[in-house]
Amino acid sequence: MSDVLAGIDPRDLSVPALVWAADEAVRRGVRLRLVVAVPPVHDRLRYDALAHQSSLRIRAESALANAQDLVRALHEGLWTVTELVDGAPATVLGERTRGVALAVLGSRHLGRLAEVFGEGSVAVPLAARADCPVVVIAEPEHTAARPPLIVVGVDGSPDCRAAIAFAAAEASLREARLLAVWVWPRPLRTHEDGAQGLAERRRMLAASVADCAERHPDVAVEQEVVRGHPVEELTRASRDALAVVVGRRGRGGFSGMRLGSTVHGLLHHADCPVITVPLPRGEYESRA
């Protein structure tokens, strides 16, 4: 069984992300791996840099200890392992995503440019490059709905296949229903806005989720085709959800280009955790 990887930010320990990761490790019956990275210090004199690096390491050690104490208080007996590593956080975590079940981290709510290009960015680079699904906890999951709900964005592309499979498996683990949403952008020409186009998209959505019933017969799958902007409509659907799940593009280009505008928008606007799911490594390598 694969680990659940939790990225720990020593500047701002995200308790919701840590709780989510610990609960998920218990739910899957796997080990929780707590990782904190100590970033390099560049723009300082040598003595000042050494002192600052030492300060960062002490803070990281404290955050790691606090995270482990919290996890043990939540789930006595949960198997945990800790790592303190020198390096840029996005790189350190990214290198550890191969072979793990999923990676979980909080969001610092950086601006869009800072998320993509800034040194402090972790969520977007990790979601864009990880070899496993990445869970970004910017907002808490919604647990009031009964049965609980998981939302998956569907667009008929190969990138959404893995997202649907992950979302269905997660719904089964959580005894949740699954809502598959196909967002149909408003047309430039009115003849595209007919009943035939709607029927075709409903057919494609049904085909996309057809395997769910066979693989997870315990999961009730709902299907919805809506008109509008994908970020706005998936955000609306996420307001009562445990999580919203979306597929990721390939591995070329900048981080934001890999993710696509919909995933980028959801990381900033969704009202619940966002889970970004890559294609299996063999599939995206064959498409490169």
Protein backbone atom coordinates (compact mmCIF):
# COMPACT_ATOMS: atom_id res chain seq x y z
CA MET A 1 0.00 0.00 0.00
CA SER A 2 1.20 3.51 -0.83
CA ASP A 3 1.84 6.31 1.65
CA VAL A 4 -0.17 9.48 2.02
CA LEU A 5 2.32 12.35 1.75
CA ALA A 6 1.69 15.54 3.74
CA GLY A 7 3.72 18.66 2.99
CA ILE A 8 4.36 20.71 6.13
CA ASP A 9 4.87 24.47 5.82
CA PRO A 10 6.98 25.62 8.82
CA ARG A 11 5.82 29.23 8.33
CA ASP A 12 2.14 28.39 8.60
CA LEU A 13 1.16 24.89 9.73
CA SER A 14 -2.09 24.07 7.95
CA VAL A 15 -4.13 22.14 10.50
CA PRO A 16 -7.00 21.42 8.05
CA ALA A 17 -4.55 19.91 5.54
CA LEU A 18 -2.85 17.84 8.22
CA VAL A 19 -6.19 16.56 9.55
CA TRP A 20 -7.30 15.70 6.01
CA ALA A 21 -4.08 13.79 5.34
CA ALA A 22 -4.22 11.88 8.62
CA ASP A 23 -7.88 10.94 8.13
CA GLU A 24 -7.12 9.78 4.59
CA ALA A 25 -4.20 7.62 5.75
CA VAL A 26 -6.47 5.96 8.33
CA ARG A 27 -9.23 5.52 5.75
CA ARG A 28 -6.82 3.80 3.35
CA GLY A 29 -4.95 1.88 6.03
CA VAL A 30 -1.56 3.26 4.97
CA ARG A 31 1.38 5.16 6.44
CA LEU A 32 1.36 8.96 6.76
CA ARG A 33 4.58 10.57 5.58
CA LEU A 34 5.23 14.07 6.98
CA VAL A 35 7.76 16.08 4.98
CA VAL A 36 9.11 19.57 5.60
CA ALA A 37 11.67 21.29 3.36
CA VAL A 38 14.19 23.91 4.46
CA PRO A 39 14.64 26.26 1.47
CA PRO A 40 18.09 27.56 0.52
CA VAL A 41 19.10 31.10 1.44
CA HIS A 42 20.61 33.10 -1.43
CA ASP A 43 20.49 36.87 -1.04
CA ARG A 44 22.46 37.30 2.21
CA LEU A 45 26.07 37.64 3.38
CA ARG A 46 27.67 34.33 4.36
CA TYR A 47 27.40 34.77 8.15
CA ASP A 48 23.88 36.13 7.92
CA ALA A 49 22.88 33.34 5.55
CA LEU A 50 24.19 30.64 7.89
CA ALA A 51 22.35 32.14 10.85
CA HIS A 52 19.15 32.45 8.83
CA GLN A 53 19.46 28.87 7.55
CA SER A 54 19.89 27.65 11.11
CA SER A 55 16.79 29.59 12.16
CA LEU A 56 14.78 28.05 9.30
CA ARG A 57 15.90 24.56 10.28
CA ILE A 58 14.90 25.07 13.92
CA ARG A 59 11.49 26.34 12.81
CA ALA A 60 11.10 23.36 10.47
CA GLU A 61 12.00 20.88 13.21
CA SER A 62 9.45 22.49 15.52
CA ALA A 63 6.72 22.41 12.84
CA LEU A 64 7.45 18.75 12.12
CA ALA A 65 7.25 17.84 15.80
CA ASN A 66 4.00 19.78 16.21
CA ALA A 67 2.52 18.07 13.17
CA GLN A 68 3.43 14.63 14.48
CA ASP A 69 1.97 15.43 17.92
CA LEU A 70 -1.29 16.57 16.33
CA VAL A 71 -1.54 13.45 14.19
CA ARG A 72 -0.93 11.19 17.17
CA ALA A 73 -3.60 13.02 19.17
CA LEU A 74 -6.08 12.55 16.31
CA HIS A 75 -5.29 8.92 15.52
CA GLU A 76 -3.46 6.93 18.15
CA GLY A 77 -1.49 4.17 16.50
CA LEU A 78 -1.35 5.74 13.03
CA TRP A 79 1.98 4.79 11.46
CA THR A 80 3.90 7.96 10.63
CA VAL A 81 7.34 8.74 9.28
CA THR A 82 8.95 12.19 9.20
CA GLU A 83 11.48 13.78 6.87
CA LEU A 84 13.31 17.10 7.14
CA VAL A 85 15.04 17.87 3.85
CA ASP A 86 17.14 20.77 2.55
CA GLY A 87 15.77 22.17 -0.71
CA ALA A 88 13.00 24.13 -2.37
CA PRO A 89 9.66 22.83 -1.01
CA ALA A 90 8.01 22.27 -4.41
CA THR A 91 11.05 20.31 -5.61
CA VAL A 92 11.44 18.28 -2.43
CA LEU A 93 7.78 17.29 -2.37
CA GLY A 94 7.67 16.66 -6.10
CA GLU A 95 10.56 14.21 -5.90
CA ARG A 96 8.64 12.22 -3.30
CA THR A 97 5.35 11.88 -5.16
CA ARG A 98 6.25 8.85 -7.27
CA GLY A 99 4.74 5.74 -5.76
CA VAL A 100 2.61 7.48 -3.11
CA ALA A 101 -1.18 7.37 -3.01
CA LEU A 102 -1.60 11.13 -2.92
CA ALA A 103 0.03 14.31 -1.65
CA VAL A 104 -1.74 16.79 0.62
CA LEU A 105 -0.85 20.39 1.40
CA GLY A 106 -2.43 23.65 2.46
CA SER A 107 -2.69 26.77 0.33
CA ARG A 108 -1.07 30.11 1.18
CA HIS A 109 -3.52 31.98 -1.08
CA LEU A 110 -0.77 33.61 -3.13
CA GLY A 111 -1.70 35.71 -6.14
CA ARG A 112 -1.82 33.99 -9.54
CA LEU A 113 1.62 35.15 -10.74
CA ALA A 114 3.22 34.40 -7.38
CA GLU A 115 1.68 30.91 -7.41
CA VAL A 116 3.22 30.11 -10.79
CA PHE A 117 6.57 31.91 -10.69
CA GLY A 118 7.28 32.87 -7.04
CA GLU A 119 9.88 31.15 -4.88
CA GLY A 120 7.28 30.63 -2.16
CA SER A 121 4.88 28.83 -4.47
CA VAL A 122 4.23 25.18 -3.72
CA ALA A 123 0.61 24.31 -4.54
CA VAL A 124 0.64 25.10 -8.27
CA PRO A 125 4.09 23.65 -9.11
CA LEU A 126 3.36 20.48 -7.15
CA ALA A 127 -0.11 20.03 -8.66
CA ALA A 128 1.41 20.55 -12.11
CA ARG A 129 4.33 18.11 -11.81
CA ALA A 130 3.44 15.46 -9.23
CA ASP A 131 3.28 11.81 -10.19
CA CYS A 132 0.30 11.29 -7.87
CA PRO A 133 -2.99 13.08 -7.17
CA VAL A 134 -2.44 16.33 -5.24
CA VAL A 135 -4.94 17.61 -2.68
CA VAL A 136 -4.83 21.36 -1.99
CA ILE A 137 -6.73 22.39 1.12
CA ALA A 138 -7.59 26.08 0.82
CA GLU A 139 -11.13 25.63 2.14
CA PRO A 140 -12.50 22.88 4.42
CA GLU A 141 -14.51 19.95 3.13
CA HIS A 142 -18.28 20.12 3.61
CA THR A 143 -19.56 17.26 5.74
CA ALA A 144 -23.13 18.38 6.42
CA ALA A 145 -24.63 16.86 3.26
CA ARG A 146 -25.96 13.32 3.68
CA PRO A 147 -24.84 11.28 1.91
CA PRO A 148 -21.66 13.31 1.38
CA LEU A 149 -20.73 14.50 -2.09
CA ILE A 150 -17.65 14.39 -4.29
CA VAL A 151 -17.64 16.40 -7.53
CA VAL A 152 -15.60 15.53 -10.61
CA GLY A 153 -15.16 17.74 -13.65
CA VAL A 154 -15.61 15.91 -16.98
CA ASP A 155 -14.83 17.24 -20.46
CA GLY A 156 -14.44 14.09 -22.53
CA SER A 157 -10.65 14.45 -22.86
CA PRO A 158 -8.16 11.69 -21.96
CA ASP A 159 -7.03 13.86 -19.04
CA CYS A 160 -10.32 13.40 -17.20
CA ARG A 161 -10.30 9.58 -17.24
CA ALA A 162 -7.93 9.26 -14.32
CA ALA A 163 -9.82 11.98 -12.44
CA ILE A 164 -13.10 10.07 -12.80
CA ALA A 165 -11.49 6.82 -11.64
CA PHE A 166 -9.93 8.53 -8.61
CA ALA A 167 -13.14 10.38 -7.72
CA ALA A 168 -15.21 7.19 -7.88
CA ALA A 169 -12.71 5.30 -5.69
CA GLU A 170 -12.65 8.15 -3.19
CA ALA A 171 -16.46 8.27 -3.11
CA SER A 172 -16.47 4.54 -2.37
CA LEU A 173 -13.98 4.98 0.49
CA ARG A 174 -16.09 7.77 2.01
CA GLU A 175 -19.53 6.26 1.31
CA ALA A 176 -20.27 9.35 -0.75
CA ARG A 177 -22.23 9.99 -3.93
CA LEU A 178 -20.42 11.19 -7.01
CA LEU A 179 -21.55 14.15 -9.10
CA ALA A 180 -20.00 14.22 -12.58
CA VAL A 181 -20.27 17.72 -14.07
CA TRP A 182 -19.77 18.57 -17.75
CA VAL A 183 -19.59 22.34 -18.21
CA TRP A 184 -20.67 23.43 -21.68
CA PRO A 185 -19.26 26.92 -22.39
CA ARG A 186 -21.72 29.36 -23.88
CA PRO A 187 -21.43 29.36 -27.70
CA LEU A 188 -20.17 32.09 -29.96
CA ARG A 189 -22.90 31.22 -32.48
CA THR A 190 -26.50 30.57 -31.53
CA HIS A 191 -26.90 27.44 -33.69
CA GLU A 192 -24.50 25.64 -31.33
CA ASP A 193 -26.97 26.14 -28.51
CA GLY A 194 -29.54 23.54 -29.54
CA ALA A 195 -31.10 20.43 -28.07
CA GLN A 196 -28.93 18.25 -30.30
CA GLY A 197 -25.73 19.67 -28.80
CA LEU A 198 -27.06 19.17 -25.28
CA ALA A 199 -28.06 15.58 -26.04
CA GLU A 200 -24.61 14.85 -27.49
CA ARG A 201 -22.86 16.16 -24.38
CA ARG A 202 -25.14 14.13 -22.14
CA ARG A 203 -24.25 11.06 -24.18
CA MET A 204 -20.51 11.78 -23.89
CA LEU A 205 -20.82 12.38 -20.14
CA ALA A 206 -22.66 9.09 -19.67
CA ALA A 207 -19.96 7.28 -21.68
CA SER A 208 -17.21 8.90 -19.58
CA VAL A 209 -18.62 7.60 -16.28
CA ALA A 210 -19.93 4.25 -17.57
CA ASP A 211 -17.13 2.25 -15.88
CA CYS A 212 -17.94 3.67 -12.44
CA ALA A 213 -20.97 1.42 -11.90
CA GLU A 214 -18.93 -1.71 -12.67
CA ARG A 215 -15.90 -0.77 -10.59
CA HIS A 216 -17.77 0.82 -7.68
CA PRO A 217 -21.36 -0.46 -7.60
CA ASP A 218 -21.78 1.04 -4.12
CA VAL A 219 -21.40 4.61 -5.46
CA ALA A 220 -24.44 6.52 -6.69
CA VAL A 221 -23.36 8.52 -9.74
CA GLU A 222 -25.25 11.68 -10.70
CA GLN A 223 -24.65 13.43 -14.02
CA GLU A 224 -25.11 17.08 -14.85
CA VAL A 225 -24.49 19.11 -18.01
CA VAL A 226 -24.52 22.85 -17.31
CA ARG A 227 -23.95 25.97 -19.36
CA GLY A 228 -21.41 28.56 -18.27
CA HIS A 229 -17.78 29.04 -17.33
CA PRO A 230 -16.06 25.87 -16.04
CA VAL A 231 -14.48 27.54 -13.00
CA GLU A 232 -17.72 29.25 -11.99
CA GLU A 233 -19.87 26.16 -12.43
CA LEU A 234 -17.49 23.74 -10.71
CA THR A 235 -17.07 26.25 -7.87
CA ARG A 236 -20.84 26.37 -7.52
CA ALA A 237 -20.99 22.57 -7.42
CA SER A 238 -18.22 22.46 -4.81
CA ARG A 239 -20.16 24.44 -2.20
CA ASP A 240 -21.59 21.29 -0.62
CA ALA A 241 -18.78 18.88 -1.50
CA LEU A 242 -16.05 17.00 0.31
CA ALA A 243 -13.79 17.75 -2.66
CA VAL A 244 -13.79 18.68 -6.33
CA VAL A 245 -11.64 16.44 -8.55
CA VAL A 246 -10.17 17.49 -11.89
CA GLY A 247 -7.74 16.00 -14.38
CA ARG A 248 -4.39 17.50 -15.27
CA ARG A 249 -2.78 18.06 -18.63
CA GLY A 250 0.63 16.64 -19.60
CA ARG A 251 4.03 17.71 -18.36
CA GLY A 252 5.23 20.28 -20.90
CA GLY A 253 5.47 24.05 -20.47
CA PHE A 254 5.17 26.24 -17.37
CA SER A 255 3.28 25.03 -14.32
CA GLY A 256 0.18 27.08 -15.07
CA MET A 257 0.08 25.82 -18.66
CA ARG A 258 0.29 22.22 -17.45
CA LEU A 259 -2.64 22.73 -15.13
CA GLY A 260 -4.90 24.64 -17.49
CA SER A 261 -7.07 27.62 -16.65
CA THR A 262 -9.87 25.59 -15.06
CA VAL A 263 -7.64 23.90 -12.48
CA HIS A 264 -5.83 27.16 -11.83
CA GLY A 265 -9.14 28.92 -11.23
CA LEU A 266 -10.42 26.22 -8.91
CA LEU A 267 -7.28 26.37 -6.77
CA HIS A 268 -8.15 30.02 -6.11
CA HIS A 269 -11.95 29.91 -5.97
CA ALA A 270 -13.30 26.46 -5.04
CA ASP A 271 -15.19 26.25 -1.74
CA CYS A 272 -13.73 22.87 -0.80
CA PRO A 273 -10.46 20.92 -1.24
CA VAL A 274 -9.28 20.58 -4.84
CA ILE A 275 -7.78 17.30 -6.03
CA THR A 276 -5.71 17.36 -9.22
CA VAL A 277 -5.19 13.96 -10.82
CA PRO A 278 -2.52 13.27 -13.47
CA LEU A 279 -2.70 10.62 -16.15
CA PRO A 280 -0.73 7.47 -15.30
CA ARG A 281 2.93 8.03 -16.16
CA GLY A 282 2.92 5.65 -19.13
CA GLU A 283 -0.01 7.48 -20.73
CA TYR A 284 1.38 11.01 -20.57
CA GLU A 285 4.83 9.81 -21.66
CA SER A 286 3.27 8.19 -24.74
CA ARG A 287 1.52 11.48 -25.54
CA ALA A 288 4.65 13.63 -25.11
